[in-house]
Amino acid sequence: MIKILIIQTPWYDFVASTAIEGLVELHKENRIQLFCTEKSNYASIENDYDLSIKEEIAVQLGRKYVDLIILTSNNNVKGYIAEKINRLDKTVYLDGEDTSPYRKNPKDFALYFKREMLKSVQHLDNVRPFQFGAEKR
């Protein structure tokens, strides 16, 4: 079973919420274990589930337990949690910016998903485009 930690923005973010919403379905089917650093973006639904964990638990799980760490973009993401974990070989970044420049340095991640990835720009081998998804509502 794959164990995933998501470090997401505390604010609503379409990219983060679409990813979390899809992963929650796999979690509910016991196909993955999912942990999130915030209650936002469908990581917690009142009277249904709550996948949010405290920062110190996220760091402990990130260092020794999880197989994949997903860091999202937008405001107030606690990126220092990923820095404390320090497992860049297991960390992917979801760059949901509408603009072409990178929000973070792609060299700092095993895989970097970029929205609005211009073909006219030379990209590193670990940078991949991703498409918008549709939320399940």
N, C-alpha and C. Protein backbone atom coordinates (compact mmCIF):
# COMPACT_ATOMS: atom_id res chain seq x y z
N MET A 1 0.84 -1.17 0.00
CA MET A 1 0.00 0.00 0.00
C MET A 1 0.89 1.24 0.00
N ILE A 2 0.61 2.15 -0.88
CA ILE A 2 1.39 3.39 -0.98
C ILE A 2 0.90 4.37 0.09
N LYS A 3 1.87 5.00 0.77
CA LYS A 3 1.57 5.97 1.81
C LYS A 3 1.98 7.35 1.31
N ILE A 4 1.03 8.30 1.32
CA ILE A 4 1.25 9.63 0.74
C ILE A 4 0.99 10.71 1.78
N LEU A 5 1.89 11.68 1.83
CA LEU A 5 1.74 12.87 2.66
C LEU A 5 1.57 14.06 1.73
N ILE A 6 0.53 14.86 1.96
CA ILE A 6 0.33 16.07 1.17
C ILE A 6 0.50 17.28 2.08
N ILE A 7 1.37 18.18 1.64
CA ILE A 7 1.58 19.45 2.33
C ILE A 7 0.90 20.50 1.45
N GLN A 8 -0.30 20.92 1.87
CA GLN A 8 -1.11 21.77 1.01
C GLN A 8 -1.40 23.13 1.66
N THR A 9 -1.86 24.04 0.82
CA THR A 9 -2.27 25.35 1.28
C THR A 9 -3.50 25.25 2.18
N PRO A 10 -3.59 26.13 3.19
CA PRO A 10 -4.80 26.12 4.03
C PRO A 10 -5.99 26.78 3.34
N TRP A 11 -5.75 27.41 2.19
CA TRP A 11 -6.82 28.07 1.44
C TRP A 11 -7.30 27.15 0.33
N TYR A 12 -8.49 27.44 -0.19
CA TYR A 12 -8.98 26.65 -1.31
C TYR A 12 -8.05 26.84 -2.51
N ASP A 13 -7.73 25.75 -3.15
CA ASP A 13 -6.88 25.76 -4.33
C ASP A 13 -7.38 24.64 -5.24
N PHE A 14 -7.73 24.99 -6.46
CA PHE A 14 -8.32 24.01 -7.37
C PHE A 14 -7.39 22.83 -7.62
N VAL A 15 -6.13 23.10 -7.86
CA VAL A 15 -5.18 22.03 -8.16
C VAL A 15 -5.04 21.10 -6.96
N ALA A 16 -4.83 21.68 -5.78
CA ALA A 16 -4.68 20.86 -4.57
C ALA A 16 -5.95 20.08 -4.27
N SER A 17 -7.09 20.74 -4.36
CA SER A 17 -8.34 20.06 -4.02
C SER A 17 -8.67 18.94 -4.98
N THR A 18 -8.37 19.12 -6.26
CA THR A 18 -8.62 18.07 -7.24
C THR A 18 -7.75 16.85 -6.96
N ALA A 19 -6.48 17.10 -6.65
CA ALA A 19 -5.58 15.98 -6.33
C ALA A 19 -6.02 15.27 -5.05
N ILE A 20 -6.32 16.04 -4.02
CA ILE A 20 -6.71 15.44 -2.74
C ILE A 20 -8.02 14.69 -2.87
N GLU A 21 -8.97 15.29 -3.57
CA GLU A 21 -10.27 14.65 -3.73
C GLU A 21 -10.14 13.27 -4.39
N GLY A 22 -9.31 13.18 -5.40
CA GLY A 22 -9.10 11.89 -6.07
C GLY A 22 -8.39 10.90 -5.16
N LEU A 23 -7.39 11.37 -4.43
CA LEU A 23 -6.65 10.49 -3.52
C LEU A 23 -7.50 10.04 -2.34
N VAL A 24 -8.42 10.87 -1.91
CA VAL A 24 -9.33 10.48 -0.82
C VAL A 24 -10.15 9.26 -1.23
N GLU A 25 -10.58 9.23 -2.48
CA GLU A 25 -11.34 8.07 -2.96
C GLU A 25 -10.51 6.79 -2.86
N LEU A 26 -9.24 6.88 -3.23
CA LEU A 26 -8.37 5.70 -3.13
C LEU A 26 -8.13 5.34 -1.66
N HIS A 27 -8.03 6.35 -0.81
CA HIS A 27 -7.85 6.11 0.63
C HIS A 27 -9.07 5.39 1.20
N LYS A 28 -10.25 5.85 0.84
CA LYS A 28 -11.48 5.23 1.35
C LYS A 28 -11.61 3.77 0.89
N GLU A 29 -11.04 3.47 -0.27
CA GLU A 29 -11.07 2.10 -0.79
C GLU A 29 -9.92 1.26 -0.25
N ASN A 30 -9.15 1.83 0.69
CA ASN A 30 -7.99 1.14 1.29
C ASN A 30 -6.93 0.76 0.28
N ARG A 31 -6.80 1.59 -0.77
CA ARG A 31 -5.76 1.33 -1.77
C ARG A 31 -4.50 2.14 -1.48
N ILE A 32 -4.66 3.24 -0.73
CA ILE A 32 -3.51 4.05 -0.30
C ILE A 32 -3.78 4.52 1.13
N GLN A 33 -2.72 4.97 1.81
CA GLN A 33 -2.87 5.69 3.07
C GLN A 33 -2.56 7.14 2.76
N LEU A 34 -3.39 8.04 3.22
CA LEU A 34 -3.25 9.46 2.90
C LEU A 34 -3.22 10.29 4.17
N PHE A 35 -2.27 11.22 4.23
CA PHE A 35 -2.12 12.14 5.35
C PHE A 35 -1.99 13.54 4.77
N CYS A 36 -2.60 14.53 5.42
CA CYS A 36 -2.54 15.91 4.94
C CYS A 36 -2.18 16.84 6.10
N THR A 37 -1.48 17.92 5.78
CA THR A 37 -1.04 18.85 6.82
C THR A 37 -2.09 19.91 7.17
N GLU A 38 -3.15 19.98 6.40
CA GLU A 38 -4.23 20.94 6.64
C GLU A 38 -5.57 20.23 6.49
N LYS A 39 -6.61 20.86 6.99
CA LYS A 39 -7.96 20.33 6.80
C LYS A 39 -8.57 20.79 5.48
N SER A 40 -7.89 21.69 4.80
CA SER A 40 -8.42 22.32 3.59
C SER A 40 -8.41 21.39 2.38
N ASN A 41 -9.13 21.82 1.36
CA ASN A 41 -9.09 21.16 0.05
C ASN A 41 -9.52 19.69 0.11
N TYR A 42 -10.57 19.44 0.86
CA TYR A 42 -11.18 18.11 0.99
C TYR A 42 -10.37 17.12 1.79
N ALA A 43 -9.38 17.59 2.55
CA ALA A 43 -8.65 16.68 3.44
C ALA A 43 -9.48 16.36 4.67
N SER A 44 -10.52 17.14 4.90
CA SER A 44 -11.40 16.92 6.04
C SER A 44 -12.81 17.33 5.65
N ILE A 45 -13.75 16.44 5.86
CA ILE A 45 -15.16 16.73 5.63
C ILE A 45 -15.90 16.39 6.92
N GLU A 46 -16.54 17.39 7.49
CA GLU A 46 -17.22 17.20 8.78
C GLU A 46 -18.20 16.03 8.73
N ASN A 47 -18.16 15.23 9.76
CA ASN A 47 -19.01 14.03 9.93
C ASN A 47 -18.73 12.94 8.89
N ASP A 48 -17.60 13.02 8.20
CA ASP A 48 -17.26 11.98 7.24
C ASP A 48 -15.84 11.47 7.48
N TYR A 49 -14.83 12.32 7.35
CA TYR A 49 -13.45 11.90 7.55
C TYR A 49 -12.58 13.12 7.83
N ASP A 50 -11.42 12.88 8.40
CA ASP A 50 -10.43 13.93 8.65
C ASP A 50 -9.05 13.30 8.50
N LEU A 51 -8.34 13.65 7.44
CA LEU A 51 -7.02 13.11 7.16
C LEU A 51 -5.89 14.05 7.59
N SER A 52 -6.26 15.14 8.26
CA SER A 52 -5.25 16.12 8.66
C SER A 52 -4.49 15.64 9.89
N ILE A 53 -3.21 15.97 9.92
CA ILE A 53 -2.35 15.59 11.04
C ILE A 53 -1.54 16.80 11.47
N LYS A 54 -1.00 16.75 12.67
CA LYS A 54 -0.20 17.85 13.20
C LYS A 54 1.16 17.87 12.50
N GLU A 55 1.78 19.06 12.51
CA GLU A 55 3.06 19.25 11.82
C GLU A 55 4.13 18.27 12.29
N GLU A 56 4.26 18.08 13.61
CA GLU A 56 5.31 17.20 14.11
C GLU A 56 5.09 15.75 13.67
N ILE A 57 3.84 15.34 13.57
CA ILE A 57 3.53 13.99 13.08
C ILE A 57 3.86 13.90 11.58
N ALA A 58 3.55 14.97 10.84
CA ALA A 58 3.86 15.00 9.40
C ALA A 58 5.36 14.84 9.18
N VAL A 59 6.16 15.51 9.98
CA VAL A 59 7.62 15.40 9.84
C VAL A 59 8.07 13.98 10.15
N GLN A 60 7.57 13.40 11.22
CA GLN A 60 7.95 12.03 11.58
C GLN A 60 7.55 11.04 10.50
N LEU A 61 6.30 11.14 10.02
CA LEU A 61 5.84 10.24 8.96
C LEU A 61 6.64 10.45 7.68
N GLY A 62 6.90 11.71 7.37
CA GLY A 62 7.63 12.04 6.15
C GLY A 62 9.04 11.50 6.12
N ARG A 63 9.69 11.50 7.27
CA ARG A 63 11.08 11.04 7.32
C ARG A 63 11.22 9.53 7.20
N LYS A 64 10.26 8.78 7.74
CA LYS A 64 10.48 7.33 7.84
C LYS A 64 9.36 6.45 7.30
N TYR A 65 8.19 6.99 7.06
CA TYR A 65 7.05 6.11 6.81
C TYR A 65 6.47 6.25 5.40
N VAL A 66 6.28 7.46 4.92
CA VAL A 66 5.57 7.63 3.65
C VAL A 66 6.47 7.33 2.45
N ASP A 67 5.80 6.96 1.37
CA ASP A 67 6.49 6.66 0.11
C ASP A 67 6.58 7.86 -0.81
N LEU A 68 5.66 8.82 -0.62
CA LEU A 68 5.57 9.97 -1.51
C LEU A 68 5.12 11.19 -0.72
N ILE A 69 5.76 12.32 -1.01
CA ILE A 69 5.39 13.59 -0.40
C ILE A 69 4.99 14.52 -1.54
N ILE A 70 3.80 15.10 -1.44
CA ILE A 70 3.32 16.03 -2.45
C ILE A 70 3.24 17.41 -1.80
N LEU A 71 3.93 18.36 -2.39
CA LEU A 71 3.93 19.74 -1.93
C LEU A 71 3.15 20.55 -2.96
N THR A 72 2.13 21.29 -2.51
CA THR A 72 1.33 22.08 -3.44
C THR A 72 1.78 23.54 -3.42
N SER A 73 1.33 24.27 -4.41
CA SER A 73 1.65 25.70 -4.47
C SER A 73 0.50 26.50 -3.86
N ASN A 74 0.53 27.79 -4.02
CA ASN A 74 -0.42 28.77 -3.53
C ASN A 74 0.12 29.39 -2.25
N ASN A 75 -0.70 30.16 -1.58
CA ASN A 75 -0.25 30.92 -0.41
C ASN A 75 -0.29 30.10 0.87
N ASN A 76 0.64 30.42 1.76
CA ASN A 76 0.69 29.87 3.11
C ASN A 76 0.91 28.36 3.19
N VAL A 77 1.48 27.77 2.16
CA VAL A 77 1.87 26.36 2.23
C VAL A 77 3.07 26.27 3.16
N LYS A 78 3.03 25.35 4.09
CA LYS A 78 4.11 25.19 5.07
C LYS A 78 5.25 24.37 4.47
N GLY A 79 5.93 24.98 3.51
CA GLY A 79 7.03 24.31 2.83
C GLY A 79 8.15 23.90 3.75
N TYR A 80 8.25 24.56 4.89
CA TYR A 80 9.30 24.19 5.85
C TYR A 80 9.11 22.77 6.38
N ILE A 81 7.91 22.23 6.28
CA ILE A 81 7.69 20.84 6.69
C ILE A 81 8.47 19.92 5.75
N ALA A 82 8.39 20.18 4.45
CA ALA A 82 9.15 19.39 3.47
C ALA A 82 10.65 19.56 3.70
N GLU A 83 11.07 20.77 4.06
CA GLU A 83 12.49 21.01 4.33
C GLU A 83 12.96 20.22 5.55
N LYS A 84 12.12 20.16 6.58
CA LYS A 84 12.48 19.39 7.79
C LYS A 84 12.54 17.89 7.47
N ILE A 85 11.63 17.43 6.64
CA ILE A 85 11.62 16.01 6.25
C ILE A 85 12.88 15.70 5.44
N ASN A 86 13.21 16.58 4.49
CA ASN A 86 14.43 16.48 3.71
C ASN A 86 14.55 15.17 2.93
N ARG A 87 13.50 14.85 2.18
CA ARG A 87 13.51 13.67 1.31
C ARG A 87 13.11 14.10 -0.10
N LEU A 88 13.93 14.90 -0.70
CA LEU A 88 13.61 15.44 -2.01
C LEU A 88 13.46 14.35 -3.06
N ASP A 89 14.10 13.21 -2.85
CA ASP A 89 13.97 12.09 -3.79
C ASP A 89 12.56 11.51 -3.78
N LYS A 90 11.77 11.82 -2.76
CA LYS A 90 10.40 11.32 -2.64
C LYS A 90 9.36 12.43 -2.74
N THR A 91 9.82 13.66 -3.06
CA THR A 91 8.92 14.82 -3.05
C THR A 91 8.62 15.30 -4.46
N VAL A 92 7.33 15.49 -4.73
CA VAL A 92 6.89 16.08 -5.99
C VAL A 92 6.20 17.40 -5.68
N TYR A 93 6.25 18.29 -6.65
CA TYR A 93 5.67 19.62 -6.48
C TYR A 93 4.57 19.82 -7.51
N LEU A 94 3.42 20.32 -7.05
CA LEU A 94 2.32 20.66 -7.94
C LEU A 94 2.28 22.18 -8.07
N ASP A 95 2.80 22.68 -9.16
CA ASP A 95 2.86 24.12 -9.42
C ASP A 95 1.61 24.53 -10.18
N GLY A 96 0.65 25.08 -9.46
CA GLY A 96 -0.62 25.46 -10.06
C GLY A 96 -0.71 26.90 -10.52
N GLU A 97 0.43 27.57 -10.61
CA GLU A 97 0.44 28.97 -11.04
C GLU A 97 -0.06 29.10 -12.48
N ASP A 98 -0.76 30.21 -12.73
CA ASP A 98 -1.25 30.50 -14.08
C ASP A 98 -0.16 31.06 -14.97
N THR A 99 0.97 31.36 -14.38
CA THR A 99 2.04 32.02 -15.13
C THR A 99 3.11 31.03 -15.52
N SER A 100 3.93 31.43 -16.46
CA SER A 100 4.95 30.55 -16.99
C SER A 100 6.14 30.32 -16.05
N PRO A 101 6.65 31.33 -15.35
CA PRO A 101 7.82 31.04 -14.52
C PRO A 101 7.50 29.99 -13.45
N TYR A 102 8.50 29.26 -13.06
CA TYR A 102 8.32 28.26 -12.00
C TYR A 102 8.15 28.95 -10.65
N ARG A 103 7.30 28.39 -9.82
CA ARG A 103 7.13 28.92 -8.46
C ARG A 103 8.30 28.49 -7.58
N LYS A 104 8.81 27.29 -7.78
CA LYS A 104 9.97 26.75 -7.06
C LYS A 104 11.00 26.30 -8.08
N ASN A 105 12.16 25.92 -7.60
CA ASN A 105 13.20 25.42 -8.49
C ASN A 105 12.96 23.93 -8.76
N PRO A 106 12.69 23.55 -9.99
CA PRO A 106 12.43 22.14 -10.30
C PRO A 106 13.56 21.19 -9.89
N LYS A 107 14.79 21.70 -9.82
CA LYS A 107 15.92 20.86 -9.43
C LYS A 107 15.79 20.35 -8.00
N ASP A 108 14.93 20.99 -7.21
CA ASP A 108 14.78 20.63 -5.80
C ASP A 108 13.78 19.49 -5.57
N PHE A 109 13.25 18.92 -6.65
CA PHE A 109 12.21 17.91 -6.51
C PHE A 109 12.47 16.71 -7.43
N ALA A 110 11.99 15.57 -7.01
CA ALA A 110 12.10 14.37 -7.84
C ALA A 110 11.27 14.54 -9.11
N LEU A 111 10.11 15.17 -8.97
CA LEU A 111 9.21 15.39 -10.09
C LEU A 111 8.50 16.71 -9.86
N TYR A 112 8.32 17.48 -10.92
CA TYR A 112 7.73 18.81 -10.82
C TYR A 112 6.62 18.90 -11.86
N PHE A 113 5.37 18.99 -11.40
CA PHE A 113 4.24 19.15 -12.31
C PHE A 113 3.94 20.63 -12.47
N LYS A 114 3.86 21.09 -13.71
CA LYS A 114 3.68 22.52 -13.99
C LYS A 114 2.43 22.77 -14.80
N ARG A 115 1.56 23.62 -14.27
CA ARG A 115 0.43 24.12 -15.03
C ARG A 115 0.95 25.25 -15.91
N GLU A 116 0.32 25.46 -17.05
CA GLU A 116 0.75 26.52 -17.96
C GLU A 116 2.22 26.34 -18.36
N MET A 117 2.55 25.15 -18.76
CA MET A 117 3.92 24.83 -19.16
C MET A 117 4.11 25.17 -20.64
N LEU A 118 4.82 26.23 -20.90
CA LEU A 118 5.02 26.68 -22.27
C LEU A 118 5.97 25.75 -23.02
N LYS A 119 5.60 25.43 -24.23
CA LYS A 119 6.46 24.59 -25.07
C LYS A 119 7.68 25.35 -25.57
N SER A 120 7.58 26.67 -25.58
CA SER A 120 8.68 27.48 -26.10
C SER A 120 9.83 27.61 -25.10
N VAL A 121 9.64 27.12 -23.90
CA VAL A 121 10.67 27.20 -22.86
C VAL A 121 11.34 25.84 -22.72
N GLN A 122 12.64 25.82 -22.55
CA GLN A 122 13.37 24.58 -22.30
C GLN A 122 13.14 24.15 -20.85
N HIS A 123 12.67 22.93 -20.64
CA HIS A 123 12.37 22.44 -19.31
C HIS A 123 13.31 21.30 -18.94
N LEU A 124 13.54 21.15 -17.66
CA LEU A 124 14.33 20.02 -17.16
C LEU A 124 13.58 18.72 -17.39
N ASP A 125 14.27 17.61 -17.35
CA ASP A 125 13.66 16.30 -17.60
C ASP A 125 12.63 15.90 -16.54
N ASN A 126 12.72 16.46 -15.33
CA ASN A 126 11.78 16.08 -14.28
C ASN A 126 10.53 16.95 -14.26
N VAL A 127 10.39 17.87 -15.20
CA VAL A 127 9.22 18.75 -15.26
C VAL A 127 8.21 18.16 -16.24
N ARG A 128 6.97 18.04 -15.77
CA ARG A 128 5.89 17.49 -16.59
C ARG A 128 4.68 18.42 -16.54
N PRO A 129 3.98 18.52 -17.65
CA PRO A 129 2.74 19.32 -17.62
C PRO A 129 1.63 18.50 -16.95
N PHE A 130 0.68 19.19 -16.38
CA PHE A 130 -0.51 18.49 -15.91
C PHE A 130 -1.73 19.28 -16.28
N GLN A 131 -2.79 18.58 -16.46
CA GLN A 131 -4.03 19.20 -16.90
C GLN A 131 -4.96 19.40 -15.73
N PHE A 132 -5.85 20.33 -15.89
CA PHE A 132 -6.87 20.51 -14.88
C PHE A 132 -7.76 19.29 -14.83
N GLY A 133 -8.28 19.00 -13.69
CA GLY A 133 -9.24 17.92 -13.53
C GLY A 133 -10.58 18.52 -13.19
N ALA A 134 -11.56 17.70 -13.07
CA ALA A 134 -12.89 18.15 -12.67
C ALA A 134 -13.15 17.64 -11.26
N GLU A 135 -13.65 18.51 -10.43
CA GLU A 135 -13.95 18.11 -9.06
C GLU A 135 -15.22 17.28 -9.02
N LYS A 136 -15.26 16.38 -8.10
CA LYS A 136 -16.45 15.56 -7.90
C LYS A 136 -17.34 16.29 -6.90
N ARG A 137 -18.45 16.77 -7.36
CA ARG A 137 -19.36 17.52 -6.47
C ARG A 137 -20.76 17.01 -6.63
